[in-house]
N, C-alpha and C. Protein backbone atom coordinates (compact mmCIF):
# COMPACT_ATOMS: atom_id res chain seq x y z
N MET A 1 23.00 -4.65 11.94
CA MET A 1 22.99 -3.96 10.86
C MET A 1 21.96 -3.05 10.98
N PRO A 2 22.75 -1.48 10.39
CA PRO A 2 21.58 -0.27 10.59
C PRO A 2 20.47 -0.43 10.19
N GLY A 3 19.17 -0.62 9.59
CA GLY A 3 18.45 0.24 9.02
C GLY A 3 17.18 -1.56 8.72
N LYS A 4 17.16 -2.24 8.94
CA LYS A 4 16.98 -4.09 9.20
C LYS A 4 15.26 -3.36 9.56
N PRO A 5 14.61 -3.93 8.77
CA PRO A 5 13.19 -2.99 9.70
C PRO A 5 12.64 -4.20 10.36
N LYS A 6 11.34 -4.24 11.33
CA LYS A 6 10.75 -4.62 11.58
C LYS A 6 10.46 -5.51 11.35
N THR A 7 9.80 -6.86 12.32
CA THR A 7 9.52 -8.12 11.74
C THR A 7 7.74 -7.69 10.75
N THR A 8 7.98 -7.99 9.53
CA THR A 8 6.86 -7.76 8.69
C THR A 8 6.39 -8.81 7.75
N THR A 9 5.23 -8.71 6.91
CA THR A 9 4.91 -10.10 5.97
C THR A 9 6.45 -10.06 5.22
N VAL A 10 6.58 -8.84 4.28
CA VAL A 10 7.61 -9.05 2.99
C VAL A 10 8.01 -7.49 3.13
N THR A 11 9.76 -7.57 2.63
CA THR A 11 10.48 -6.63 2.78
C THR A 11 10.52 -5.53 2.14
N ILE A 12 10.61 -6.32 0.97
CA ILE A 12 11.11 -6.16 -0.51
C ILE A 12 9.32 -6.05 -1.07
N ILE A 13 9.01 -4.75 -1.75
CA ILE A 13 7.80 -4.58 -2.37
C ILE A 13 8.20 -3.90 -4.01
N PRO A 14 8.23 -4.53 -4.70
CA PRO A 14 8.84 -3.96 -6.45
C PRO A 14 7.62 -3.05 -7.14
N SER A 15 7.85 -1.95 -7.45
CA SER A 15 6.74 -0.53 -7.51
C SER A 15 7.02 -0.79 -9.66
N LEU A 16 5.81 -0.75 -9.79
CA LEU A 16 5.65 0.06 -11.97
C LEU A 16 4.86 0.88 -11.46
N ARG A 17 5.52 1.58 -12.79
CA ARG A 17 4.01 2.59 -13.58
C ARG A 17 3.67 2.06 -14.63
N TYR A 18 2.99 2.24 -15.39
CA TYR A 18 2.05 2.27 -16.31
C TYR A 18 1.11 3.27 -16.80
N SER A 19 0.95 3.39 -18.87
CA SER A 19 0.54 4.45 -18.93
C SER A 19 -0.62 4.23 -18.80
N ASP A 20 -1.43 3.17 -18.46
CA ASP A 20 -2.89 3.20 -18.03
C ASP A 20 -2.82 2.33 -16.97
N ALA A 21 -2.81 2.80 -15.71
CA ALA A 21 -2.60 1.98 -14.58
C ALA A 21 -3.95 1.61 -14.08
N SER A 22 -5.16 2.60 -14.71
CA SER A 22 -6.50 1.74 -14.01
C SER A 22 -6.44 0.21 -14.78
N ALA A 23 -6.24 0.55 -16.16
CA ALA A 23 -6.42 -1.07 -17.03
C ALA A 23 -5.65 -1.82 -17.06
N ALA A 24 -4.49 -1.33 -15.97
CA ALA A 24 -2.81 -2.26 -15.47
C ALA A 24 -4.03 -3.13 -14.10
N ILE A 25 -4.03 -2.58 -13.57
CA ILE A 25 -5.00 -3.31 -12.22
C ILE A 25 -5.84 -4.49 -12.89
N ASP A 26 -6.71 -3.86 -13.23
CA ASP A 26 -7.33 -4.72 -14.09
C ASP A 26 -7.48 -5.71 -14.61
N TRP A 27 -6.00 -6.14 -15.59
CA TRP A 27 -5.63 -7.03 -15.73
C TRP A 27 -4.51 -7.80 -15.06
N LEU A 28 -3.76 -7.20 -14.03
CA LEU A 28 -2.96 -8.14 -13.23
C LEU A 28 -3.84 -9.31 -12.20
N ARG A 29 -5.14 -8.40 -12.19
CA ARG A 29 -6.01 -8.95 -11.46
C ARG A 29 -6.83 -10.35 -12.20
N ASN A 30 -7.05 -10.27 -13.52
CA ASN A 30 -7.65 -11.20 -14.01
C ASN A 30 -6.18 -12.37 -14.58
N ALA A 31 -5.47 -12.05 -15.30
CA ALA A 31 -4.58 -12.89 -15.81
C ALA A 31 -3.70 -13.03 -14.85
N PHE A 32 -3.39 -12.64 -13.81
CA PHE A 32 -2.18 -13.39 -12.61
C PHE A 32 -2.84 -13.78 -11.54
N GLY A 33 -3.98 -13.28 -11.62
CA GLY A 33 -4.62 -13.12 -9.70
C GLY A 33 -4.42 -12.40 -8.65
N PHE A 34 -3.71 -11.18 -8.93
CA PHE A 34 -3.36 -10.32 -7.90
C PHE A 34 -5.06 -10.18 -7.51
N GLU A 35 -4.84 -9.65 -6.34
CA GLU A 35 -5.85 -8.96 -5.32
C GLU A 35 -5.87 -7.21 -4.69
N GLN A 36 -6.54 -6.77 -5.12
CA GLN A 36 -6.44 -5.42 -5.28
C GLN A 36 -7.02 -4.70 -3.52
N GLN A 37 -5.65 -4.22 -3.10
CA GLN A 37 -5.91 -4.03 -1.67
C GLN A 37 -5.98 -2.47 -1.36
N LEU A 38 -5.66 -1.72 -2.34
CA LEU A 38 -5.50 0.06 -1.99
C LEU A 38 -5.41 0.54 -3.32
N VAL A 39 -6.19 1.85 -3.96
CA VAL A 39 -6.47 2.18 -4.74
C VAL A 39 -6.72 3.61 -4.78
N VAL A 40 -5.35 4.67 -5.01
CA VAL A 40 -5.42 6.58 -4.68
C VAL A 40 -5.67 6.88 -5.96
N PRO A 41 -7.02 6.87 -6.59
CA PRO A 41 -6.83 7.75 -7.55
C PRO A 41 -6.65 9.02 -7.68
N GLU A 42 -5.87 10.04 -8.48
CA GLU A 42 -6.01 11.41 -8.54
C GLU A 42 -7.16 12.09 -9.40
N ASP A 43 -7.23 13.56 -9.61
CA ASP A 43 -8.46 14.35 -9.38
C ASP A 43 -8.19 13.42 -11.25
N ASN A 44 -7.49 13.75 -12.16
CA ASN A 44 -7.84 13.44 -13.38
C ASN A 44 -7.13 12.31 -14.06
N GLY A 45 -8.03 11.36 -12.98
CA GLY A 45 -8.12 10.15 -13.67
C GLY A 45 -7.03 9.15 -13.43
N ALA A 46 -5.99 9.63 -13.48
CA ALA A 46 -4.49 8.73 -12.92
C ALA A 46 -4.55 8.13 -11.76
N ILE A 47 -4.30 7.27 -11.58
CA ILE A 47 -4.09 6.89 -10.73
C ILE A 47 -2.54 7.12 -9.64
N ALA A 48 -2.54 7.56 -8.57
CA ALA A 48 -1.62 8.11 -7.43
C ALA A 48 -0.35 7.32 -6.94
N HIS A 49 -1.09 5.48 -6.58
CA HIS A 49 -0.47 4.79 -5.53
C HIS A 49 -1.40 3.96 -5.83
N ALA A 50 -0.87 2.52 -6.11
CA ALA A 50 -2.20 1.74 -5.91
C ALA A 50 -1.30 0.40 -5.37
N GLN A 51 -1.69 -0.89 -4.70
CA GLN A 51 -1.46 -2.25 -3.63
C GLN A 51 -2.04 -3.06 -4.23
N LEU A 52 -1.30 -3.75 -4.74
CA LEU A 52 -1.82 -5.40 -5.13
C LEU A 52 -1.30 -6.81 -4.67
N THR A 53 -1.93 -7.29 -4.01
CA THR A 53 -1.40 -8.75 -3.71
C THR A 53 -1.42 -10.02 -4.10
N PHE A 54 -0.22 -10.59 -3.99
CA PHE A 54 -0.41 -11.97 -4.35
C PHE A 54 -0.21 -12.68 -2.99
N GLY A 55 -0.91 -13.78 -2.34
CA GLY A 55 -0.52 -14.56 -1.23
C GLY A 55 0.06 -13.43 -0.38
N ASN A 56 1.56 -13.84 0.16
CA ASN A 56 1.86 -12.57 1.33
C ASN A 56 2.72 -11.70 0.61
N GLY A 57 2.88 -11.58 -0.91
CA GLY A 57 3.42 -10.39 -1.56
C GLY A 57 2.67 -9.18 -1.97
N MET A 58 3.74 -8.41 -2.23
CA MET A 58 2.35 -7.10 -2.62
C MET A 58 3.82 -6.41 -4.44
N ILE A 59 2.59 -5.66 -5.10
CA ILE A 59 3.68 -4.93 -5.46
C ILE A 59 2.87 -3.57 -5.72
N MET A 60 3.29 -2.37 -5.73
CA MET A 60 2.95 -1.46 -6.26
C MET A 60 2.50 -0.68 -7.46
N LEU A 61 1.95 0.18 -7.98
CA LEU A 61 2.14 0.79 -8.95
C LEU A 61 1.19 1.87 -9.18
N GLY A 62 1.73 2.88 -10.04
CA GLY A 62 0.90 3.79 -10.25
C GLY A 62 1.36 4.34 -11.84
N SER A 63 0.50 5.24 -12.14
CA SER A 63 0.20 6.17 -13.82
C SER A 63 1.75 6.43 -13.70
N GLU A 64 2.10 6.03 -15.45
CA GLU A 64 3.43 6.85 -15.75
C GLU A 64 3.16 8.62 -15.00
N ARG A 65 4.41 9.01 -14.88
CA ARG A 65 4.40 10.91 -14.55
C ARG A 65 5.59 11.10 -15.14
N ASP A 66 5.83 12.29 -15.33
CA ASP A 66 7.12 13.21 -16.15
C ASP A 66 8.19 12.47 -14.89
N VAL A 67 8.81 12.30 -15.64
CA VAL A 67 9.95 11.45 -14.65
C VAL A 67 11.33 12.54 -14.65
N GLN A 68 11.21 13.44 -15.77
CA GLN A 68 12.62 14.29 -15.97
C GLN A 68 13.50 14.49 -15.29
N ASP A 69 12.84 15.23 -14.05
CA ASP A 69 13.46 15.95 -13.13
C ASP A 69 13.38 15.07 -11.53
N ASP A 70 13.28 14.03 -11.45
CA ASP A 70 13.14 12.80 -10.84
C ASP A 70 14.59 12.23 -10.68
N PRO A 71 15.81 12.18 -9.85
CA PRO A 71 16.62 11.52 -10.13
C PRO A 71 16.20 9.97 -9.42
N VAL A 72 15.56 10.20 -9.18
CA VAL A 72 15.37 8.75 -8.36
C VAL A 72 14.24 7.50 -9.30
N GLU A 73 13.36 8.09 -10.15
CA GLU A 73 13.13 7.16 -11.24
C GLU A 73 13.36 7.06 -12.04
N ARG A 74 14.13 8.44 -12.82
CA ARG A 74 15.00 8.30 -14.18
C ARG A 74 15.86 7.17 -14.22
N SER A 75 15.93 6.41 -15.59
CA SER A 75 17.22 5.85 -15.44
C SER A 75 17.67 5.81 -16.75
N PRO A 76 18.48 6.79 -17.65
CA PRO A 76 18.34 7.12 -18.79
C PRO A 76 19.09 6.19 -19.65
N ASN A 77 20.32 5.10 -18.54
CA ASN A 77 20.95 4.56 -19.63
C ASN A 77 20.43 2.86 -19.33
N VAL A 78 19.50 2.60 -18.40
CA VAL A 78 18.80 1.55 -18.24
C VAL A 78 17.51 1.18 -19.75
N ASP A 79 17.79 -0.30 -19.99
CA ASP A 79 16.37 -0.71 -20.90
C ASP A 79 15.71 -1.43 -20.22
N VAL A 80 14.52 -0.11 -19.39
CA VAL A 80 13.96 -1.20 -17.91
C VAL A 80 12.85 -2.24 -18.57
N SER A 81 12.29 -2.36 -19.95
CA SER A 81 12.05 -3.58 -19.81
C SER A 81 12.10 -4.86 -19.74
N SER A 82 13.60 -5.30 -20.35
CA SER A 82 14.19 -5.99 -20.44
C SER A 82 15.64 -6.43 -18.52
N ALA A 83 15.28 -5.01 -18.39
CA ALA A 83 16.73 -4.34 -17.10
C ALA A 83 15.90 -5.18 -15.91
N HIS A 84 14.10 -5.51 -15.53
CA HIS A 84 14.28 -5.25 -14.30
C HIS A 84 13.03 -6.55 -14.57
N ALA A 85 12.69 -7.44 -13.75
CA ALA A 85 11.27 -8.47 -14.19
C ALA A 85 11.31 -8.91 -12.58
N ARG A 86 9.84 -9.11 -12.39
CA ARG A 86 9.60 -9.98 -11.02
C ARG A 86 9.78 -11.42 -11.11
N TYR A 87 9.39 -12.20 -10.22
CA TYR A 87 9.02 -13.30 -10.00
C TYR A 87 8.12 -13.53 -8.67
N VAL A 88 7.44 -14.39 -9.50
CA VAL A 88 5.87 -14.38 -7.89
C VAL A 88 5.76 -16.17 -7.80
N ILE A 89 6.29 -16.27 -6.56
CA ILE A 89 6.24 -17.99 -6.18
C ILE A 89 4.12 -18.58 -6.46
N VAL A 90 4.33 -19.69 -7.13
CA VAL A 90 2.68 -20.04 -7.51
C VAL A 90 3.08 -22.12 -7.01
N GLU A 91 1.81 -21.94 -6.93
CA GLU A 91 1.58 -23.30 -6.51
C GLU A 91 1.41 -24.40 -7.71
N ASP A 92 1.10 -24.03 -8.85
CA ASP A 92 1.05 -24.81 -10.02
C ASP A 92 1.29 -23.80 -11.18
N ALA A 93 2.86 -23.99 -11.61
CA ALA A 93 2.99 -23.23 -12.64
C ALA A 93 2.24 -23.20 -13.99
N ASP A 94 2.15 -24.64 -14.71
CA ASP A 94 1.33 -24.79 -15.41
C ASP A 94 -0.07 -24.10 -15.70
N ASP A 95 -0.75 -24.76 -14.55
CA ASP A 95 -2.51 -24.02 -14.16
C ASP A 95 -1.82 -22.03 -13.94
N HIS A 96 -1.54 -22.08 -13.63
CA HIS A 96 -1.35 -20.47 -13.50
C HIS A 96 -0.72 -19.75 -15.12
N PHE A 97 -0.04 -20.62 -15.81
CA PHE A 97 0.20 -20.21 -17.09
C PHE A 97 -1.07 -20.45 -18.18
N ALA A 98 -1.94 -20.93 -18.05
CA ALA A 98 -3.02 -21.72 -18.61
C ALA A 98 -3.80 -20.25 -18.72
N GLY A 99 -3.93 -19.96 -17.47
CA GLY A 99 -4.79 -18.79 -16.87
C GLY A 99 -4.25 -17.15 -17.66
N ALA A 100 -2.45 -17.03 -16.97
CA ALA A 100 -2.13 -16.30 -17.87
C ALA A 100 -2.14 -15.80 -19.31
N LYS A 101 -2.29 -16.93 -19.94
CA LYS A 101 -2.01 -17.28 -21.65
C LYS A 101 -3.71 -16.91 -21.84
N ALA A 102 -4.46 -17.80 -21.60
CA ALA A 102 -5.81 -17.31 -21.85
C ALA A 102 -6.51 -15.72 -21.46
N ALA A 103 -5.92 -14.79 -20.79
CA ALA A 103 -5.67 -13.05 -20.14
C ALA A 103 -5.10 -12.64 -21.80
N GLY A 104 -4.37 -13.54 -22.35
CA GLY A 104 -4.05 -12.71 -23.22
C GLY A 104 -2.26 -11.91 -22.50
N ALA A 105 -1.74 -12.74 -21.68
CA ALA A 105 0.21 -12.47 -21.83
C ALA A 105 0.39 -13.08 -22.71
N ASP A 106 1.35 -12.24 -23.10
CA ASP A 106 2.36 -12.26 -24.02
C ASP A 106 3.53 -13.57 -23.49
N ILE A 107 3.36 -15.03 -23.70
CA ILE A 107 4.42 -15.40 -23.79
C ILE A 107 6.31 -15.80 -23.99
N ILE A 108 6.61 -15.41 -22.82
CA ILE A 108 8.33 -15.68 -23.05
C ILE A 108 8.57 -17.10 -22.94
N MET A 109 8.28 -17.78 -22.31
CA MET A 109 8.89 -18.75 -22.01
C MET A 109 7.37 -19.87 -21.23
N GLU A 110 7.40 -21.32 -22.06
CA GLU A 110 6.39 -21.87 -21.58
C GLU A 110 6.83 -22.49 -20.62
N PRO A 111 6.19 -23.46 -19.43
CA PRO A 111 6.75 -23.80 -18.39
C PRO A 111 7.51 -24.88 -18.77
N GLU A 112 8.68 -24.43 -17.70
CA GLU A 112 9.71 -25.51 -17.78
C GLU A 112 10.51 -26.21 -16.57
N ASP A 113 11.10 -27.37 -16.16
CA ASP A 113 11.78 -27.69 -15.18
C ASP A 113 13.12 -26.53 -15.05
N GLN A 114 13.82 -26.05 -14.09
CA GLN A 114 14.66 -25.74 -13.50
C GLN A 114 15.35 -26.78 -13.12
N PRO A 115 16.94 -26.15 -13.68
CA PRO A 115 18.11 -27.14 -12.48
C PRO A 115 18.08 -26.95 -11.37
N TYR A 116 17.85 -25.58 -11.09
CA TYR A 116 17.92 -25.57 -9.62
C TYR A 116 16.71 -25.84 -8.22
N GLY A 117 15.62 -26.54 -9.84
CA GLY A 117 14.18 -26.76 -9.17
C GLY A 117 13.11 -26.02 -9.28
N GLY A 118 11.91 -26.62 -8.97
CA GLY A 118 10.79 -26.17 -9.55
C GLY A 118 10.62 -25.87 -10.54
N ARG A 119 9.57 -25.43 -11.42
CA ARG A 119 9.09 -25.58 -12.09
C ARG A 119 8.65 -23.36 -12.62
N LEU A 120 8.78 -23.31 -14.19
CA LEU A 120 8.85 -21.41 -14.22
C LEU A 120 8.45 -21.45 -15.39
N TYR A 121 7.78 -20.27 -15.61
CA TYR A 121 7.41 -20.05 -16.87
C TYR A 121 7.33 -18.49 -17.57
N ALA A 122 7.62 -17.95 -18.28
CA ALA A 122 7.64 -16.27 -18.31
C ALA A 122 6.68 -15.56 -18.93
N CYS A 123 6.40 -14.74 -18.91
CA CYS A 123 5.73 -13.83 -19.62
C CYS A 123 5.51 -11.72 -19.53
N ARG A 124 4.90 -11.40 -20.92
CA ARG A 124 5.39 -9.85 -20.71
C ARG A 124 3.21 -9.51 -20.75
N ASP A 125 3.27 -8.37 -19.45
CA ASP A 125 1.51 -7.97 -19.17
C ASP A 125 1.43 -7.13 -20.26
N LEU A 126 0.63 -6.40 -19.55
CA LEU A 126 -0.19 -5.84 -21.30
C LEU A 126 0.64 -4.72 -22.07
N GLU A 127 2.14 -3.65 -21.00
CA GLU A 127 2.51 -2.52 -21.08
C GLU A 127 3.63 -3.02 -21.63
N GLY A 128 4.13 -4.63 -21.52
CA GLY A 128 5.55 -5.12 -21.67
C GLY A 128 6.44 -5.68 -20.87
N ASN A 129 6.00 -5.49 -19.63
CA ASN A 129 6.84 -5.88 -18.53
C ASN A 129 7.26 -7.09 -18.53
N PRO A 130 7.99 -7.20 -17.70
CA PRO A 130 8.20 -9.22 -17.87
C PRO A 130 8.33 -9.48 -16.30
N TRP A 131 7.58 -11.02 -16.28
CA TRP A 131 7.38 -11.53 -15.39
C TRP A 131 7.86 -12.78 -15.22
N TYR A 132 8.41 -13.73 -14.32
CA TYR A 132 8.45 -15.31 -14.07
C TYR A 132 7.04 -15.79 -13.03
N PHE A 133 7.05 -17.14 -13.17
CA PHE A 133 5.78 -17.25 -12.38
C PHE A 133 6.45 -18.33 -12.25
N GLY A 134 6.89 -19.01 -10.90
CA GLY A 134 7.39 -19.88 -11.14
C GLY A 134 6.92 -20.99 -9.64
N THR A 135 7.31 -22.55 -9.11
CA THR A 135 6.96 -23.14 -8.02
C THR A 135 8.39 -22.84 -7.45
N TYR A 136 9.38 -22.63 -7.99
CA TYR A 136 10.78 -22.96 -7.16
C TYR A 136 10.73 -21.67 -5.53
N ASP A 137 10.93 -22.05 -4.28
CA ASP A 137 10.57 -21.03 -3.08
C ASP A 137 11.47 -21.41 -2.98
N PRO A 138 12.73 -20.44 -3.09
CA PRO A 138 13.57 -20.02 -1.81
C PRO A 138 14.14 -19.94 -0.31
N TRP A 139 12.76 -19.49 -0.11
CA TRP A 139 12.70 -19.90 1.23
C TRP A 139 12.49 -21.19 2.19
N GLN A 140 11.88 -22.01 0.89
CA GLN A 140 11.65 -23.62 1.70
C GLN A 140 12.53 -24.62 0.98
N ASP A 141 12.93 -24.25 -0.66
CA ASP A 141 13.78 -25.45 -1.24
C ASP A 141 14.86 -25.34 -1.05
N ASN A 142 15.59 -24.91 -0.37
CA ASN A 142 17.15 -24.36 -0.26
C ASN A 142 17.63 -25.94 0.49
């Protein structure tokens, strides 16, 4: 099929916008264990682009901007906070949960075993974005 990428570490990278991207970067590192790979600041103090890694996965993020005329980022009929969530594979869901909770993550669901395998918990970050962290690895557990 045309359009398939070359062999690479990961082929889908979620991208998020934060009202305070600098604070979000610090919080995601402290609460969830992401590592900062790249941060491109703008002259006005906003973040033009940032890349944070977790294992061989990555998220990209930046400061919110006016998307009124941007048909790609504008989603007038979608509540982004409930329509989009990220799932991150962790080695120990309970251990990761404890760190996120201690850092102030808004816990939506405490760790629990899943019927399809693995253990999972859910939380929201400092700006309300939903995240799932679990031990289920769809690449290995099938």
